Amino acid sequence: VAGDRAEEMARLSQDVVVASSLAQLDEMFASAIDPSPATSSFHSCYVKNWSDEPFIRGAYSYPSRARAGDRKALAQPVGSSLFFAGEATHDAVNPCMQGALETAERAVAELMKTVDLRKRRGSKL
């Protein structure tokens, strides 16, 4: 959710946001067997208003043909001490939590390689 709709949702209670989201999913995936599959399967959730985060402010990336290759460039580490992750650094999945999680795993793997190389060379970490 982005833009004006995100601002509207930010003013709603978590219960209203959850009920609205479940209703939308129920409408999308309803069947004769289960007319409310999301609601009937729901256990718990956490609602995050990303616009409250001072360094994020509700922003997310989006693909653009004019900027092809920028995601890979953004994902490149700086030297061997600064590593980047986040959905904006994923060259195939965006903008979503999956992309953020996958790039976090990538960045940690890059970091661990660097730490391992430093250990082999006898460098202080």
Foldseek 3Di string as FASTA:
>chain_A
DDDPVLVVVVPDDPVVVVVVVQVVVLCVDADPVHSRVSVVPDDDDDDDSQLPPPVCNRDWDDDDPVCPPVLCVVQDADPLPGGDAALSNQNPDDDDPVRRVVRVVVRVVSNVVSVVVCVVVVHDD
